[in-house]
Amino acid sequence: MSRRTRKAVIVLCLVIASLLAYFDKNLLKHPGRSSSTATAEQRRAGDIAKYHDKIFTVVYVVDGDTLDINIPDNRDNRTRIRLWGVDTPETKSEEFGVMYFGPQAYEFTKKSALNKHVHIYLDQQRDTRDKYDRLLAYVQLPDGSFLNEILLSEGFAYADLRFRHDFYNKYKQLESAARSDKKGLWKNVTFEQMPKWRQERLSEN
């Protein structure tokens, strides 16, 4: 082996050793943690620090279960919130159009929350965002009641059984009571008028 070749081999070995030491050091720092997991945890921590247990003003109501509050979020000048644990009938969906009792749910949320100072609470053990990057939250109204719960107890919403959250069982009970009393949409709703996910759940039982 020539002197030049031997020198190249030594340099290569030193580079490889340095790379192995670097990756080993970082794995020891964060064992079993991928960069994507760390990013998700940082995002959740950031959302909790920014929104949880804080008061904001509702500046826009999209539909019964979606609204905007007056604080910037990324490139938007306000934050869009999707209410945890409830699903109101659609009013602006290109796929489903205006669903049964959607306009009533929208009007109720608009009357209850628009221009009001609301208290925002997050589920600190789960993701703070949905797949559309909307903030998932429990919204407490000025009178101390929670919009999520009122929508259920008055029959404006379905308990969303697709995703677990802190009040999953309570929300099921609130819906069950509204259904028994035939409140709101439960008075006349038909199987075909329910959301697709709800129809699938009922078909499975």
C-alpha atoms as a PDB file:
ATOM      1  CA  MET A   1       0.000   0.000   0.000  1.00  0.00           C
ATOM      2  CA  SER A   2       1.446   3.346  -1.036  1.00  0.00           C
ATOM      3  CA  ARG A   3       1.925   6.209   1.414  1.00  0.00           C
ATOM      4  CA  ARG A   4      -0.821   8.255  -0.323  1.00  0.00           C
ATOM      5  CA  THR A   5      -3.310   5.381  -0.172  1.00  0.00           C
ATOM      6  CA  ARG A   6      -2.497   4.733   3.496  1.00  0.00           C
ATOM      7  CA  LYS A   7      -3.069   8.394   4.294  1.00  0.00           C
ATOM      8  CA  ALA A   8      -6.439   8.409   2.497  1.00  0.00           C
ATOM      9  CA  VAL A   9      -7.567   5.310   4.415  1.00  0.00           C
ATOM     10  CA  ILE A  10      -6.601   6.913   7.751  1.00  0.00           C
ATOM     11  CA  VAL A  11      -8.511  10.102   6.924  1.00  0.00           C
ATOM     12  CA  LEU A  12     -11.568   8.090   5.888  1.00  0.00           C
ATOM     13  CA  CYS A  13     -11.470   6.103   9.132  1.00  0.00           C
ATOM     14  CA  LEU A  14     -11.249   9.286  11.173  1.00  0.00           C
ATOM     15  CA  VAL A  15     -14.279  10.752   9.345  1.00  0.00           C
ATOM     16  CA  ILE A  16     -16.328   7.598   9.932  1.00  0.00           C
ATOM     17  CA  ALA A  17     -15.343   7.521  13.616  1.00  0.00           C
ATOM     18  CA  SER A  18     -16.366  11.161  14.038  1.00  0.00           C
ATOM     19  CA  LEU A  19     -19.750  10.539  12.421  1.00  0.00           C
ATOM     20  CA  LEU A  20     -20.398   7.498  14.615  1.00  0.00           C
ATOM     21  CA  ALA A  21     -19.498   9.466  17.739  1.00  0.00           C
ATOM     22  CA  TYR A  22     -21.842  12.299  16.714  1.00  0.00           C
ATOM     23  CA  PHE A  23     -24.836  10.045  16.078  1.00  0.00           C
ATOM     24  CA  ASP A  24     -24.156   8.012  19.222  1.00  0.00           C
ATOM     25  CA  LYS A  25     -24.085  11.194  21.308  1.00  0.00           C
ATOM     26  CA  ASN A  26     -27.400  12.389  19.907  1.00  0.00           C
ATOM     27  CA  LEU A  27     -29.067   9.032  20.344  1.00  0.00           C
ATOM     28  CA  LEU A  28     -28.018   9.033  23.984  1.00  0.00           C
ATOM     29  CA  LYS A  29     -29.518  12.481  24.393  1.00  0.00           C
ATOM     30  CA  HIS A  30     -32.886  11.444  22.918  1.00  0.00           C
ATOM     31  CA  PRO A  31     -33.119   7.639  23.035  1.00  0.00           C
ATOM     32  CA  GLY A  32     -35.889   6.283  20.859  1.00  0.00           C
ATOM     33  CA  ARG A  33     -37.071   9.746  19.825  1.00  0.00           C
ATOM     34  CA  SER A  34     -37.373  10.681  16.166  1.00  0.00           C
ATOM     35  CA  SER A  35     -37.089  14.259  14.966  1.00  0.00           C
ATOM     36  CA  SER A  36     -40.752  14.216  13.947  1.00  0.00           C
ATOM     37  CA  THR A  37     -41.788  13.125  17.447  1.00  0.00           C
ATOM     38  CA  ALA A  38     -39.695  15.862  19.029  1.00  0.00           C
ATOM     39  CA  THR A  39     -41.258  18.400  16.682  1.00  0.00           C
ATOM     40  CA  ALA A  40     -44.787  17.236  17.588  1.00  0.00           C
ATOM     41  CA  GLU A  41     -44.000  17.528  21.287  1.00  0.00           C
ATOM     42  CA  GLN A  42     -42.556  21.000  20.797  1.00  0.00           C
ATOM     43  CA  ARG A  43     -45.647  22.038  18.862  1.00  0.00           C
ATOM     44  CA  ARG A  44     -47.946  20.768  21.619  1.00  0.00           C
ATOM     45  CA  ALA A  45     -45.903  22.508  24.302  1.00  0.00           C
ATOM     46  CA  GLY A  46     -45.995  25.726  22.299  1.00  0.00           C
ATOM     47  CA  ASP A  47     -49.765  25.563  21.872  1.00  0.00           C
ATOM     48  CA  ILE A  48     -50.318  24.891  25.565  1.00  0.00           C
ATOM     49  CA  ALA A  49     -48.143  27.840  26.549  1.00  0.00           C
ATOM     50  CA  LYS A  50     -49.855  30.120  24.037  1.00  0.00           C
ATOM     51  CA  TYR A  51     -53.527  29.171  24.403  1.00  0.00           C
ATOM     52  CA  HIS A  52     -54.297  26.975  27.421  1.00  0.00           C
ATOM     53  CA  ASP A  53     -56.236  28.605  30.258  1.00  0.00           C
ATOM     54  CA  LYS A  54     -56.210  31.983  28.498  1.00  0.00           C
ATOM     55  CA  ILE A  55     -58.974  34.351  27.401  1.00  0.00           C
ATOM     56  CA  PHE A  56     -59.534  35.476  23.805  1.00  0.00           C
ATOM     57  CA  THR A  57     -62.305  37.069  21.751  1.00  0.00           C
ATOM     58  CA  VAL A  58     -64.273  35.116  19.167  1.00  0.00           C
ATOM     59  CA  VAL A  59     -64.059  37.129  15.953  1.00  0.00           C
ATOM     60  CA  TYR A  60     -65.674  34.740  13.459  1.00  0.00           C
ATOM     61  CA  VAL A  61     -67.908  31.660  13.484  1.00  0.00           C
ATOM     62  CA  VAL A  62     -67.426  29.198  10.623  1.00  0.00           C
ATOM     63  CA  ASP A  63     -70.135  26.733  11.627  1.00  0.00           C
ATOM     64  CA  GLY A  64     -71.489  25.071  14.756  1.00  0.00           C
ATOM     65  CA  ASP A  65     -68.218  23.479  15.849  1.00  0.00           C
ATOM     66  CA  THR A  66     -65.595  25.785  14.319  1.00  0.00           C
ATOM     67  CA  LEU A  67     -64.678  29.371  15.162  1.00  0.00           C
ATOM     68  CA  ASP A  68     -61.813  31.886  15.094  1.00  0.00           C
ATOM     69  CA  ILE A  69     -60.228  33.779  17.989  1.00  0.00           C
ATOM     70  CA  ASN A  70     -58.249  37.010  17.899  1.00  0.00           C
ATOM     71  CA  ILE A  71     -54.656  35.796  18.115  1.00  0.00           C
ATOM     72  CA  PRO A  72     -52.278  35.166  15.178  1.00  0.00           C
ATOM     73  CA  ASP A  73     -51.450  31.582  14.263  1.00  0.00           C
ATOM     74  CA  ASN A  74     -48.559  30.985  11.858  1.00  0.00           C
ATOM     75  CA  ARG A  75     -49.324  33.164   8.833  1.00  0.00           C
ATOM     76  CA  ASP A  76     -52.937  33.852   9.782  1.00  0.00           C
ATOM     77  CA  ASN A  77     -53.949  36.879  11.821  1.00  0.00           C
ATOM     78  CA  ARG A  78     -56.315  34.723  13.888  1.00  0.00           C
ATOM     79  CA  THR A  79     -56.479  31.165  15.216  1.00  0.00           C
ATOM     80  CA  ARG A  80     -59.057  28.668  13.985  1.00  0.00           C
ATOM     81  CA  ILE A  81     -60.525  26.406  16.667  1.00  0.00           C
ATOM     82  CA  ARG A  82     -62.281  23.087  16.232  1.00  0.00           C
ATOM     83  CA  LEU A  83     -64.327  22.204  19.314  1.00  0.00           C
ATOM     84  CA  TRP A  84     -63.105  19.031  20.999  1.00  0.00           C
ATOM     85  CA  GLY A  85     -65.474  16.078  21.156  1.00  0.00           C
ATOM     86  CA  VAL A  86     -68.439  17.395  19.174  1.00  0.00           C
ATOM     87  CA  ASP A  87     -69.512  17.272  15.539  1.00  0.00           C
ATOM     88  CA  THR A  88     -72.237  19.621  14.342  1.00  0.00           C
ATOM     89  CA  PRO A  89     -73.922  19.108  10.962  1.00  0.00           C
ATOM     90  CA  GLU A  90     -72.117  20.744   8.048  1.00  0.00           C
ATOM     91  CA  THR A  91     -73.137  24.082   6.567  1.00  0.00           C
ATOM     92  CA  LYS A  92     -70.247  24.914   4.221  1.00  0.00           C
ATOM     93  CA  SER A  93     -68.904  21.538   3.102  1.00  0.00           C
ATOM     94  CA  GLU A  94     -68.345  21.103  -0.641  1.00  0.00           C
ATOM     95  CA  GLU A  95     -68.791  17.356  -0.195  1.00  0.00           C
ATOM     96  CA  PHE A  96     -71.933  17.296   1.973  1.00  0.00           C
ATOM     97  CA  GLY A  97     -73.492  20.712   1.420  1.00  0.00           C
ATOM     98  CA  VAL A  98     -75.907  21.963   4.071  1.00  0.00           C
ATOM     99  CA  MET A  99     -76.831  19.077   6.363  1.00  0.00           C
ATOM    100  CA  TYR A 100     -79.929  18.681   8.490  1.00  0.00           C
ATOM    101  CA  PHE A 101     -79.832  21.027  11.493  1.00  0.00           C
ATOM    102  CA  GLY A 102     -76.550  22.563  10.360  1.00  0.00           C
ATOM    103  CA  PRO A 103     -77.911  26.122  10.064  1.00  0.00           C
ATOM    104  CA  GLN A 104     -79.512  25.889  13.529  1.00  0.00           C
ATOM    105  CA  ALA A 105     -76.208  24.754  15.068  1.00  0.00           C
ATOM    106  CA  TYR A 106     -74.348  27.555  13.302  1.00  0.00           C
ATOM    107  CA  GLU A 107     -76.801  30.192  14.522  1.00  0.00           C
ATOM    108  CA  PHE A 108     -76.627  28.868  18.079  1.00  0.00           C
ATOM    109  CA  THR A 109     -72.827  29.009  18.176  1.00  0.00           C
ATOM    110  CA  LYS A 110     -72.821  32.440  16.559  1.00  0.00           C
ATOM    111  CA  LYS A 111     -75.301  33.788  19.103  1.00  0.00           C
ATOM    112  CA  SER A 112     -73.483  32.152  22.025  1.00  0.00           C
ATOM    113  CA  ALA A 113     -69.874  32.991  21.167  1.00  0.00           C
ATOM    114  CA  LEU A 114     -69.377  35.697  18.529  1.00  0.00           C
ATOM    115  CA  ASN A 115     -67.658  38.809  19.930  1.00  0.00           C
ATOM    116  CA  LYS A 116     -67.581  37.163  23.354  1.00  0.00           C
ATOM    117  CA  HIS A 117     -64.522  36.774  25.590  1.00  0.00           C
ATOM    118  CA  VAL A 118     -64.014  33.025  25.925  1.00  0.00           C
ATOM    119  CA  HIS A 119     -61.690  30.888  28.017  1.00  0.00           C
ATOM    120  CA  ILE A 120     -59.701  28.334  25.996  1.00  0.00           C
ATOM    121  CA  TYR A 121     -58.673  24.962  27.416  1.00  0.00           C
ATOM    122  CA  LEU A 122     -56.630  22.272  25.649  1.00  0.00           C
ATOM    123  CA  ASP A 123     -56.334  18.541  26.236  1.00  0.00           C
ATOM    124  CA  GLN A 124     -52.754  18.497  27.500  1.00  0.00           C
ATOM    125  CA  GLN A 125     -52.272  14.740  27.057  1.00  0.00           C
ATOM    126  CA  ARG A 126     -53.152  14.605  23.353  1.00  0.00           C
ATOM    127  CA  ASP A 127     -52.449  16.353  20.087  1.00  0.00           C
ATOM    128  CA  THR A 128     -53.491  19.987  20.135  1.00  0.00           C
ATOM    129  CA  ARG A 129     -54.194  20.103  16.378  1.00  0.00           C
ATOM    130  CA  ASP A 130     -56.360  18.176  13.942  1.00  0.00           C
ATOM    131  CA  LYS A 131     -55.335  17.120  10.438  1.00  0.00           C
ATOM    132  CA  TYR A 132     -56.351  20.540   9.099  1.00  0.00           C
ATOM    133  CA  ASP A 133     -54.054  22.251  11.646  1.00  0.00           C
ATOM    134  CA  ARG A 134     -57.007  23.664  13.593  1.00  0.00           C
ATOM    135  CA  LEU A 135     -56.552  24.062  17.336  1.00  0.00           C
ATOM    136  CA  LEU A 136     -58.591  21.479  19.277  1.00  0.00           C
ATOM    137  CA  ALA A 137     -60.132  23.122  22.314  1.00  0.00           C
ATOM    138  CA  TYR A 138     -62.815  23.277  24.969  1.00  0.00           C
ATOM    139  CA  VAL A 139     -64.394  26.732  24.872  1.00  0.00           C
ATOM    140  CA  GLN A 140     -65.806  28.216  28.062  1.00  0.00           C
ATOM    141  CA  LEU A 141     -68.332  31.013  27.607  1.00  0.00           C
ATOM    142  CA  PRO A 142     -68.553  34.153  29.803  1.00  0.00           C
ATOM    143  CA  ASP A 143     -71.304  32.593  31.938  1.00  0.00           C
ATOM    144  CA  GLY A 144     -69.006  29.681  32.861  1.00  0.00           C
ATOM    145  CA  SER A 145     -70.684  27.056  30.667  1.00  0.00           C
ATOM    146  CA  PHE A 146     -68.792  25.184  27.956  1.00  0.00           C
ATOM    147  CA  LEU A 147     -69.927  25.599  24.366  1.00  0.00           C
ATOM    148  CA  ASN A 148     -68.932  22.002  23.593  1.00  0.00           C
ATOM    149  CA  GLU A 149     -71.297  20.693  26.272  1.00  0.00           C
ATOM    150  CA  ILE A 150     -74.226  22.999  25.504  1.00  0.00           C
ATOM    151  CA  LEU A 151     -74.197  21.977  21.844  1.00  0.00           C
ATOM    152  CA  LEU A 152     -74.554  18.369  22.947  1.00  0.00           C
ATOM    153  CA  SER A 153     -77.096  18.838  25.736  1.00  0.00           C
ATOM    154  CA  GLU A 154     -79.345  21.014  23.561  1.00  0.00           C
ATOM    155  CA  GLY A 155     -79.224  18.658  20.574  1.00  0.00           C
ATOM    156  CA  PHE A 156     -77.186  20.788  18.173  1.00  0.00           C
ATOM    157  CA  ALA A 157     -74.300  18.310  17.891  1.00  0.00           C
ATOM    158  CA  TYR A 158     -73.304  14.665  17.880  1.00  0.00           C
ATOM    159  CA  ALA A 159     -70.778  13.393  20.398  1.00  0.00           C
ATOM    160  CA  ASP A 160     -67.748  12.742  18.201  1.00  0.00           C
ATOM    161  CA  LEU A 161     -66.883   9.115  18.891  1.00  0.00           C
ATOM    162  CA  ARG A 162     -63.976   8.970  16.435  1.00  0.00           C
ATOM    163  CA  PHE A 163     -61.381  10.481  18.770  1.00  0.00           C
ATOM    164  CA  ARG A 164     -60.677   9.948  22.469  1.00  0.00           C
ATOM    165  CA  HIS A 165     -60.396  12.981  24.744  1.00  0.00           C
ATOM    166  CA  ASP A 166     -60.707  13.914  28.426  1.00  0.00           C
ATOM    167  CA  PHE A 167     -64.520  14.115  28.450  1.00  0.00           C
ATOM    168  CA  TYR A 168     -65.316  11.314  26.005  1.00  0.00           C
ATOM    169  CA  ASN A 169     -67.709   9.437  28.318  1.00  0.00           C
ATOM    170  CA  LYS A 170     -69.333  12.602  29.647  1.00  0.00           C
ATOM    171  CA  TYR A 171     -70.052  13.826  26.125  1.00  0.00           C
ATOM    172  CA  LYS A 172     -71.616  10.480  25.223  1.00  0.00           C
ATOM    173  CA  GLN A 173     -73.916  10.833  28.228  1.00  0.00           C
ATOM    174  CA  LEU A 174     -74.868  14.410  27.315  1.00  0.00           C
ATOM    175  CA  GLU A 175     -75.808  13.304  23.820  1.00  0.00           C
ATOM    176  CA  SER A 176     -77.737  10.326  25.151  1.00  0.00           C
ATOM    177  CA  ALA A 177     -79.821  12.583  27.404  1.00  0.00           C
ATOM    178  CA  ALA A 178     -80.577  14.980  24.543  1.00  0.00           C
ATOM    179  CA  ARG A 179     -81.527  12.054  22.342  1.00  0.00           C
ATOM    180  CA  SER A 180     -83.868  10.638  24.992  1.00  0.00           C
ATOM    181  CA  ASP A 181     -85.543  14.038  25.391  1.00  0.00           C
ATOM    182  CA  LYS A 182     -85.704  14.504  21.584  1.00  0.00           C
ATOM    183  CA  LYS A 183     -83.980  17.851  21.809  1.00  0.00           C
ATOM    184  CA  GLY A 184     -82.819  19.740  18.759  1.00  0.00           C
ATOM    185  CA  LEU A 185     -81.876  17.525  15.840  1.00  0.00           C
ATOM    186  CA  TRP A 186     -82.894  14.383  17.748  1.00  0.00           C
ATOM    187  CA  LYS A 187     -86.560  15.219  17.326  1.00  0.00           C
ATOM    188  CA  ASN A 188     -86.730  14.364  13.618  1.00  0.00           C
ATOM    189  CA  VAL A 189     -83.284  13.364  12.323  1.00  0.00           C
ATOM    190  CA  THR A 190     -83.185  10.300  10.070  1.00  0.00           C
ATOM    191  CA  PHE A 191     -80.366   7.830   9.536  1.00  0.00           C
ATOM    192  CA  GLU A 192     -79.662   9.265   6.078  1.00  0.00           C
ATOM    193  CA  GLN A 193     -79.320  12.794   7.507  1.00  0.00           C
ATOM    194  CA  MET A 194     -76.590  11.824   9.955  1.00  0.00           C
ATOM    195  CA  PRO A 195     -72.872  12.272   9.211  1.00  0.00           C
ATOM    196  CA  LYS A 196     -71.261   9.381   7.321  1.00  0.00           C
ATOM    197  CA  TRP A 197     -69.066   8.406  10.260  1.00  0.00           C
ATOM    198  CA  ARG A 198     -72.128   8.188  12.497  1.00  0.00           C
ATOM    199  CA  GLN A 199     -74.009   6.051   9.990  1.00  0.00           C
ATOM    200  CA  GLU A 200     -71.016   3.692   9.864  1.00  0.00           C
ATOM    201  CA  ARG A 201     -70.929   3.442  13.667  1.00  0.00           C
ATOM    202  CA  LEU A 202     -74.635   2.627  13.827  1.00  0.00           C
ATOM    203  CA  SER A 203     -74.291   0.058  11.046  1.00  0.00           C
ATOM    204  CA  GLU A 204     -71.540  -1.719  12.977  1.00  0.00           C
ATOM    205  CA  ASN A 205     -73.799  -2.171  16.044  1.00  0.00           C
END
